[in-house]
Amino acid sequence: MWEQDIADTRERYRARYREHGYSPVTLGWNKDCRAVRFEAALEGLREHEYTSILDVGCGFADLLGYLRNRGWKGQYTGVDLVPELLQEARERYGCSTEAAFDCLDISGQSCQIKADMAVALGIFNHKVRQGNLEFIGTMLEAMWNCSARVVVCDFLSTSSEIGRRKDHLYYADPRVIYEIASRYSRRIMIHHSYMPFEFQVKIWHDDSYAVEVPVFPPYCDLASRPNPVP
């Protein structure tokens, strides 16, 4: 099943790339809201949590361009299943010694890549033959193993009205995604406030807390301060 899903994915994006070239439409975004998604992916994170990034399904690596424009100087690794998209990414961003690109399925082999943050934006939007919940579970497991601090993914949401949904797309229930995420950590953010029909999940590796101050980092210091309100 997965081999056929990979073949379907490659053909879909190759056909779009032949028609549209470097364009959000090639990646399936008819409305170009990439900057909104990128900004949302960083919300709630501290800079030390993404000094290195593994971008799964990186496409044209526009996340890297966005980060560089913000002054980010960390190590970026983009992986994708479509060689043509990766070649475009290399031509745009490959001159940096802190950027690497690989045609790689991180779920299908022992991934040697390790980054602070593993992020996947858009890879769960299409229906797949193997079953979408199985695919999500497999990819989250792989991203968890490839990351040291946090995993970030986005999904189309079941908040989408029935009349605007498309048969070939997969709409995830945020409650179900939370249940899957909770297998890995108690420290989870469901971010459903940046777009009406999409959401993101963040899963932190560090979910430790002190019994006497039951809050997650980095809120421990704040919780231990004297209450400023008289």
C-alpha atoms as a PDB file:
ATOM      1  CA  MET A   1       0.000   0.000   0.000  1.00  0.00           C
ATOM      2  CA  TRP A   2       2.696   2.505   1.017  1.00  0.00           C
ATOM      3  CA  GLU A   3       4.698   1.935  -2.164  1.00  0.00           C
ATOM      4  CA  GLN A   4       1.607   2.836  -4.205  1.00  0.00           C
ATOM      5  CA  ASP A   5       0.985   5.900  -2.021  1.00  0.00           C
ATOM      6  CA  ILE A   6       4.561   7.044  -2.706  1.00  0.00           C
ATOM      7  CA  ALA A   7       4.049   6.532  -6.444  1.00  0.00           C
ATOM      8  CA  ASP A   8       0.768   8.468  -6.330  1.00  0.00           C
ATOM      9  CA  THR A   9       2.407  11.307  -4.418  1.00  0.00           C
ATOM     10  CA  ARG A  10       5.287  11.604  -6.871  1.00  0.00           C
ATOM     11  CA  GLU A  11       3.008  11.610  -9.895  1.00  0.00           C
ATOM     12  CA  ARG A  12       0.684  14.206  -8.352  1.00  0.00           C
ATOM     13  CA  TYR A  13       3.431  16.711  -7.618  1.00  0.00           C
ATOM     14  CA  ARG A  14       5.389  16.033 -10.794  1.00  0.00           C
ATOM     15  CA  ALA A  15       2.296  16.785 -12.873  1.00  0.00           C
ATOM     16  CA  ARG A  16       1.646  19.987 -10.951  1.00  0.00           C
ATOM     17  CA  TYR A  17       5.277  21.047 -11.198  1.00  0.00           C
ATOM     18  CA  ARG A  18       5.292  20.511 -14.965  1.00  0.00           C
ATOM     19  CA  GLU A  19       2.202  22.712 -15.237  1.00  0.00           C
ATOM     20  CA  HIS A  20       2.871  25.415 -12.644  1.00  0.00           C
ATOM     21  CA  GLY A  21       6.596  25.352 -11.857  1.00  0.00           C
ATOM     22  CA  TYR A  22       7.645  27.144  -8.682  1.00  0.00           C
ATOM     23  CA  SER A  23       4.235  28.071  -7.285  1.00  0.00           C
ATOM     24  CA  PRO A  24       2.114  27.385  -4.180  1.00  0.00           C
ATOM     25  CA  VAL A  25      -0.356  25.712  -6.566  1.00  0.00           C
ATOM     26  CA  THR A  26       2.216  22.993  -7.262  1.00  0.00           C
ATOM     27  CA  LEU A  27       2.172  22.155  -3.565  1.00  0.00           C
ATOM     28  CA  GLY A  28      -1.626  22.139  -3.433  1.00  0.00           C
ATOM     29  CA  TRP A  29      -2.104  25.580  -1.907  1.00  0.00           C
ATOM     30  CA  ASN A  30      -4.590  27.428  -4.105  1.00  0.00           C
ATOM     31  CA  LYS A  31      -4.599  30.269  -1.591  1.00  0.00           C
ATOM     32  CA  ASP A  32      -1.052  31.263  -0.655  1.00  0.00           C
ATOM     33  CA  CYS A  33      -1.083  31.366   3.139  1.00  0.00           C
ATOM     34  CA  ARG A  34       2.368  29.860   3.654  1.00  0.00           C
ATOM     35  CA  ALA A  35       3.623  32.668   5.888  1.00  0.00           C
ATOM     36  CA  VAL A  36       0.613  32.205   8.173  1.00  0.00           C
ATOM     37  CA  ARG A  37       1.324  28.484   8.526  1.00  0.00           C
ATOM     38  CA  PHE A  38       5.022  29.086   9.135  1.00  0.00           C
ATOM     39  CA  GLU A  39       4.322  31.687  11.801  1.00  0.00           C
ATOM     40  CA  ALA A  40       1.806  29.397  13.490  1.00  0.00           C
ATOM     41  CA  ALA A  41       4.343  26.540  13.469  1.00  0.00           C
ATOM     42  CA  LEU A  42       6.726  28.654  15.582  1.00  0.00           C
ATOM     43  CA  GLU A  43       4.124  29.954  18.028  1.00  0.00           C
ATOM     44  CA  GLY A  44       4.704  28.699  21.556  1.00  0.00           C
ATOM     45  CA  LEU A  45       8.300  27.672  20.795  1.00  0.00           C
ATOM     46  CA  ARG A  46      11.504  29.140  22.221  1.00  0.00           C
ATOM     47  CA  GLU A  47      14.401  29.716  19.832  1.00  0.00           C
ATOM     48  CA  HIS A  48      16.561  27.071  21.491  1.00  0.00           C
ATOM     49  CA  GLU A  49      13.875  24.497  20.613  1.00  0.00           C
ATOM     50  CA  TYR A  50      14.526  24.814  16.874  1.00  0.00           C
ATOM     51  CA  THR A  51      18.226  25.517  16.414  1.00  0.00           C
ATOM     52  CA  SER A  52      18.072  22.605  13.960  1.00  0.00           C
ATOM     53  CA  ILE A  53      15.050  21.596  11.886  1.00  0.00           C
ATOM     54  CA  LEU A  54      14.016  18.519   9.936  1.00  0.00           C
ATOM     55  CA  ASP A  55      11.367  19.599   7.407  1.00  0.00           C
ATOM     56  CA  VAL A  56       9.427  16.500   6.305  1.00  0.00           C
ATOM     57  CA  GLY A  57       7.770  16.910   2.912  1.00  0.00           C
ATOM     58  CA  CYS A  58       9.716  20.139   2.477  1.00  0.00           C
ATOM     59  CA  GLY A  59       8.639  20.773  -1.126  1.00  0.00           C
ATOM     60  CA  PHE A  60      10.475  23.913  -2.275  1.00  0.00           C
ATOM     61  CA  ALA A  61      11.924  24.482   1.237  1.00  0.00           C
ATOM     62  CA  ASP A  62      10.080  27.776   1.552  1.00  0.00           C
ATOM     63  CA  LEU A  63      10.097  27.323   5.328  1.00  0.00           C
ATOM     64  CA  LEU A  64      13.858  27.784   5.171  1.00  0.00           C
ATOM     65  CA  GLY A  65      13.481  30.987   3.182  1.00  0.00           C
ATOM     66  CA  TYR A  66      10.973  32.261   5.730  1.00  0.00           C
ATOM     67  CA  LEU A  67      13.300  31.438   8.630  1.00  0.00           C
ATOM     68  CA  ARG A  68      16.350  33.011   6.979  1.00  0.00           C
ATOM     69  CA  ASN A  69      14.370  36.218   6.419  1.00  0.00           C
ATOM     70  CA  ARG A  70      13.752  36.252  10.168  1.00  0.00           C
ATOM     71  CA  GLY A  71      17.458  35.978  10.852  1.00  0.00           C
ATOM     72  CA  TRP A  72      17.466  32.294  11.808  1.00  0.00           C
ATOM     73  CA  LYS A  73      20.919  30.752  11.347  1.00  0.00           C
ATOM     74  CA  GLY A  74      20.286  27.144  12.370  1.00  0.00           C
ATOM     75  CA  GLN A  75      20.817  23.848  10.562  1.00  0.00           C
ATOM     76  CA  TYR A  76      18.027  22.896   8.154  1.00  0.00           C
ATOM     77  CA  THR A  77      17.438  19.491   6.578  1.00  0.00           C
ATOM     78  CA  GLY A  78      14.657  19.146   4.025  1.00  0.00           C
ATOM     79  CA  VAL A  79      13.403  15.730   2.945  1.00  0.00           C
ATOM     80  CA  ASP A  80      10.814  14.976   0.290  1.00  0.00           C
ATOM     81  CA  LEU A  81       9.646  12.127  -1.929  1.00  0.00           C
ATOM     82  CA  VAL A  82       9.695  14.167  -5.149  1.00  0.00           C
ATOM     83  CA  PRO A  83      13.144  14.748  -6.689  1.00  0.00           C
ATOM     84  CA  GLU A  84      11.945  17.622  -8.889  1.00  0.00           C
ATOM     85  CA  LEU A  85      10.779  19.650  -5.895  1.00  0.00           C
ATOM     86  CA  LEU A  86      14.044  18.992  -4.074  1.00  0.00           C
ATOM     87  CA  GLN A  87      16.050  20.142  -7.078  1.00  0.00           C
ATOM     88  CA  GLU A  88      14.128  23.416  -7.066  1.00  0.00           C
ATOM     89  CA  ALA A  89      14.833  23.744  -3.350  1.00  0.00           C
ATOM     90  CA  ARG A  90      18.556  23.122  -3.880  1.00  0.00           C
ATOM     91  CA  GLU A  91      18.714  25.762  -6.600  1.00  0.00           C
ATOM     92  CA  ARG A  92      17.080  28.295  -4.291  1.00  0.00           C
ATOM     93  CA  TYR A  93      18.695  27.479  -0.957  1.00  0.00           C
ATOM     94  CA  GLY A  94      21.435  24.910  -1.499  1.00  0.00           C
ATOM     95  CA  CYS A  95      24.277  27.448  -1.402  1.00  0.00           C
ATOM     96  CA  SER A  96      24.091  27.518   2.401  1.00  0.00           C
ATOM     97  CA  THR A  97      26.376  25.130   4.287  1.00  0.00           C
ATOM     98  CA  GLU A  98      23.644  24.947   6.950  1.00  0.00           C
ATOM     99  CA  ALA A  99      21.095  23.504   4.506  1.00  0.00           C
ATOM    100  CA  ALA A 100      20.857  19.908   3.276  1.00  0.00           C
ATOM    101  CA  PHE A 101      18.273  18.157   1.096  1.00  0.00           C
ATOM    102  CA  ASP A 102      17.545  14.468   0.662  1.00  0.00           C
ATOM    103  CA  CYS A 103      15.023  12.388  -1.286  1.00  0.00           C
ATOM    104  CA  LEU A 104      14.049  10.225   1.639  1.00  0.00           C
ATOM    105  CA  ASP A 105      11.098   8.462   3.252  1.00  0.00           C
ATOM    106  CA  ILE A 106      11.921   8.742   6.945  1.00  0.00           C
ATOM    107  CA  SER A 107       9.283   6.144   7.850  1.00  0.00           C
ATOM    108  CA  GLY A 108      10.668   3.423   5.622  1.00  0.00           C
ATOM    109  CA  GLN A 109      14.210   3.111   6.893  1.00  0.00           C
ATOM    110  CA  SER A 110      16.384   3.823   9.869  1.00  0.00           C
ATOM    111  CA  CYS A 111      16.667   7.608   9.731  1.00  0.00           C
ATOM    112  CA  GLN A 112      20.056   8.939  10.795  1.00  0.00           C
ATOM    113  CA  ILE A 113      18.856  12.545  10.837  1.00  0.00           C
ATOM    114  CA  LYS A 114      18.459  14.137  14.267  1.00  0.00           C
ATOM    115  CA  ALA A 115      17.151  17.664  14.782  1.00  0.00           C
ATOM    116  CA  ASP A 116      15.703  19.724  17.591  1.00  0.00           C
ATOM    117  CA  MET A 117      12.432  20.099  15.728  1.00  0.00           C
ATOM    118  CA  ALA A 118      10.724  17.867  13.170  1.00  0.00           C
ATOM    119  CA  VAL A 119       8.013  19.671  11.221  1.00  0.00           C
ATOM    120  CA  ALA A 120       5.577  18.495   8.536  1.00  0.00           C
ATOM    121  CA  LEU A 121       3.222  20.955   6.861  1.00  0.00           C
ATOM    122  CA  GLY A 122       0.765  19.610   4.301  1.00  0.00           C
ATOM    123  CA  ILE A 123       1.787  15.949   4.145  1.00  0.00           C
ATOM    124  CA  PHE A 124      -1.415  14.680   5.779  1.00  0.00           C
ATOM    125  CA  ASN A 125      -3.877  16.516   3.532  1.00  0.00           C
ATOM    126  CA  HIS A 126      -4.474  13.806   0.919  1.00  0.00           C
ATOM    127  CA  LYS A 127      -6.280  10.529   1.428  1.00  0.00           C
ATOM    128  CA  VAL A 128      -3.916   7.558   1.199  1.00  0.00           C
ATOM    129  CA  ARG A 129      -4.502   3.905   0.383  1.00  0.00           C
ATOM    130  CA  GLN A 130      -2.979   2.560   3.592  1.00  0.00           C
ATOM    131  CA  GLY A 131      -5.461   4.549   5.733  1.00  0.00           C
ATOM    132  CA  ASN A 132      -4.811   8.054   6.978  1.00  0.00           C
ATOM    133  CA  LEU A 133      -4.745   7.340  10.701  1.00  0.00           C
ATOM    134  CA  GLU A 134      -2.211   4.580  10.121  1.00  0.00           C
ATOM    135  CA  PHE A 135      -0.146   6.963   7.988  1.00  0.00           C
ATOM    136  CA  ILE A 136      -0.320   9.692  10.632  1.00  0.00           C
ATOM    137  CA  GLY A 137       0.730   7.265  13.348  1.00  0.00           C
ATOM    138  CA  THR A 138       3.652   5.975  11.279  1.00  0.00           C
ATOM    139  CA  MET A 139       4.926   9.439  10.417  1.00  0.00           C
ATOM    140  CA  LEU A 140       4.567  10.814  13.947  1.00  0.00           C
ATOM    141  CA  GLU A 141       6.575   7.866  15.233  1.00  0.00           C
ATOM    142  CA  ALA A 142       9.318   8.535  12.684  1.00  0.00           C
ATOM    143  CA  MET A 143       9.355  12.267  13.386  1.00  0.00           C
ATOM    144  CA  TRP A 144       9.472  11.644  17.119  1.00  0.00           C
ATOM    145  CA  ASN A 145      12.495   9.410  16.675  1.00  0.00           C
ATOM    146  CA  CYS A 146      14.228  12.001  14.461  1.00  0.00           C
ATOM    147  CA  SER A 147      13.673  14.915  16.848  1.00  0.00           C
ATOM    148  CA  ALA A 148      15.068  15.876  20.239  1.00  0.00           C
ATOM    149  CA  ARG A 149      12.744  18.643  21.384  1.00  0.00           C
ATOM    150  CA  VAL A 150       9.455  19.038  19.503  1.00  0.00           C
ATOM    151  CA  VAL A 151       7.309  17.692  16.660  1.00  0.00           C
ATOM    152  CA  VAL A 152       5.011  20.025  14.697  1.00  0.00           C
ATOM    153  CA  CYS A 153       2.395  18.898  12.133  1.00  0.00           C
ATOM    154  CA  ASP A 154      -0.627  20.438  10.480  1.00  0.00           C
ATOM    155  CA  PHE A 155      -3.931  19.015   9.273  1.00  0.00           C
ATOM    156  CA  LEU A 156      -7.069  19.987   7.454  1.00  0.00           C
ATOM    157  CA  SER A 157      -9.792  20.102  10.084  1.00  0.00           C
ATOM    158  CA  THR A 158     -13.203  18.523  10.424  1.00  0.00           C
ATOM    159  CA  SER A 159     -14.309  22.084  11.190  1.00  0.00           C
ATOM    160  CA  SER A 160     -14.497  22.501   7.386  1.00  0.00           C
ATOM    161  CA  GLU A 161     -18.105  22.718   6.247  1.00  0.00           C
ATOM    162  CA  ILE A 162     -19.307  19.612   4.422  1.00  0.00           C
ATOM    163  CA  GLY A 163     -20.092  21.633   1.311  1.00  0.00           C
ATOM    164  CA  ARG A 164     -16.502  22.899   0.935  1.00  0.00           C
ATOM    165  CA  ARG A 165     -14.763  19.566   1.486  1.00  0.00           C
ATOM    166  CA  LYS A 166     -13.102  17.708  -1.399  1.00  0.00           C
ATOM    167  CA  ASP A 167     -13.361  13.958  -1.767  1.00  0.00           C
ATOM    168  CA  HIS A 168      -9.620  13.393  -2.289  1.00  0.00           C
ATOM    169  CA  LEU A 169      -8.597  15.304   0.843  1.00  0.00           C
ATOM    170  CA  TYR A 170      -8.433  14.056   4.429  1.00  0.00           C
ATOM    171  CA  TYR A 171      -9.955  16.083   7.265  1.00  0.00           C
ATOM    172  CA  ALA A 172      -8.678  15.206  10.724  1.00  0.00           C
ATOM    173  CA  ASP A 173     -10.577  15.431  13.978  1.00  0.00           C
ATOM    174  CA  PRO A 174      -8.453  17.457  16.449  1.00  0.00           C
ATOM    175  CA  ARG A 175      -9.627  15.222  19.299  1.00  0.00           C
ATOM    176  CA  VAL A 176      -8.323  12.123  17.523  1.00  0.00           C
ATOM    177  CA  ILE A 177      -4.980  13.800  16.778  1.00  0.00           C
ATOM    178  CA  TYR A 178      -4.702  14.779  20.440  1.00  0.00           C
ATOM    179  CA  GLU A 179      -5.246  11.148  21.435  1.00  0.00           C
ATOM    180  CA  ILE A 180      -2.459  10.033  19.094  1.00  0.00           C
ATOM    181  CA  ALA A 181      -0.132  12.787  20.326  1.00  0.00           C
ATOM    182  CA  SER A 182      -0.775  11.892  23.959  1.00  0.00           C
ATOM    183  CA  ARG A 183       0.944   8.531  23.387  1.00  0.00           C
ATOM    184  CA  TYR A 184       4.210  10.459  23.273  1.00  0.00           C
ATOM    185  CA  SER A 185       3.897  13.291  25.763  1.00  0.00           C
ATOM    186  CA  ARG A 186       1.658  15.090  28.216  1.00  0.00           C
ATOM    187  CA  ARG A 187       2.840  18.418  26.833  1.00  0.00           C
ATOM    188  CA  ILE A 188       0.772  19.054  23.710  1.00  0.00           C
ATOM    189  CA  MET A 189      -0.581  22.127  21.943  1.00  0.00           C
ATOM    190  CA  ILE A 190      -3.553  21.929  19.579  1.00  0.00           C
ATOM    191  CA  HIS A 191      -3.403  25.201  17.620  1.00  0.00           C
ATOM    192  CA  HIS A 192      -6.728  25.876  15.909  1.00  0.00           C
ATOM    193  CA  SER A 193      -6.714  29.669  16.012  1.00  0.00           C
ATOM    194  CA  TYR A 194      -4.697  30.753  12.954  1.00  0.00           C
ATOM    195  CA  MET A 195      -7.069  29.452  10.224  1.00  0.00           C
ATOM    196  CA  PRO A 196     -10.723  28.392  10.332  1.00  0.00           C
ATOM    197  CA  PHE A 197     -10.287  25.075   8.527  1.00  0.00           C
ATOM    198  CA  GLU A 198      -6.804  23.925   9.529  1.00  0.00           C
ATOM    199  CA  PHE A 199      -4.996  23.187  12.772  1.00  0.00           C
ATOM    200  CA  GLN A 200      -1.559  22.233  14.036  1.00  0.00           C
ATOM    201  CA  VAL A 201      -0.324  19.995  16.804  1.00  0.00           C
ATOM    202  CA  LYS A 202       2.920  20.478  18.742  1.00  0.00           C
ATOM    203  CA  ILE A 203       4.306  17.630  20.839  1.00  0.00           C
ATOM    204  CA  TRP A 204       7.215  18.335  23.172  1.00  0.00           C
ATOM    205  CA  HIS A 205       9.681  15.689  24.279  1.00  0.00           C
ATOM    206  CA  ASP A 206      10.232  17.349  27.649  1.00  0.00           C
ATOM    207  CA  ASP A 207       7.011  17.009  29.635  1.00  0.00           C
ATOM    208  CA  SER A 208       8.679  16.962  33.049  1.00  0.00           C
ATOM    209  CA  TYR A 209       7.377  18.944  35.988  1.00  0.00           C
ATOM    210  CA  ALA A 210       7.977  19.274  39.700  1.00  0.00           C
ATOM    211  CA  VAL A 211       5.280  17.962  42.040  1.00  0.00           C
ATOM    212  CA  GLU A 212       5.404  21.141  44.101  1.00  0.00           C
ATOM    213  CA  VAL A 213       5.063  23.316  40.974  1.00  0.00           C
ATOM    214  CA  PRO A 214       3.009  21.270  38.471  1.00  0.00           C
ATOM    215  CA  VAL A 215       3.710  23.272  35.302  1.00  0.00           C
ATOM    216  CA  PHE A 216       5.728  22.449  32.214  1.00  0.00           C
ATOM    217  CA  PRO A 217       8.914  24.251  31.251  1.00  0.00           C
ATOM    218  CA  PRO A 218       9.471  27.112  30.583  1.00  0.00           C
ATOM    219  CA  TYR A 219       6.687  28.189  32.957  1.00  0.00           C
ATOM    220  CA  CYS A 220       8.341  26.765  36.074  1.00  0.00           C
ATOM    221  CA  ASP A 221      10.260  29.974  36.835  1.00  0.00           C
ATOM    222  CA  LEU A 222       7.141  32.063  36.310  1.00  0.00           C
ATOM    223  CA  ALA A 223       5.075  29.882  38.626  1.00  0.00           C
ATOM    224  CA  SER A 224       7.673  30.107  41.404  1.00  0.00           C
ATOM    225  CA  ARG A 225       7.762  33.920  41.435  1.00  0.00           C
ATOM    226  CA  PRO A 226       5.896  35.793  44.149  1.00  0.00           C
ATOM    227  CA  ASN A 227       2.411  36.800  43.078  1.00  0.00           C
ATOM    228  CA  PRO A 228       2.656  40.475  42.022  1.00  0.00           C
ATOM    229  CA  VAL A 229      -1.032  41.082  42.641  1.00  0.00           C
ATOM    230  CA  PRO A 230      -1.662  42.442  46.183  1.00  0.00           C
END
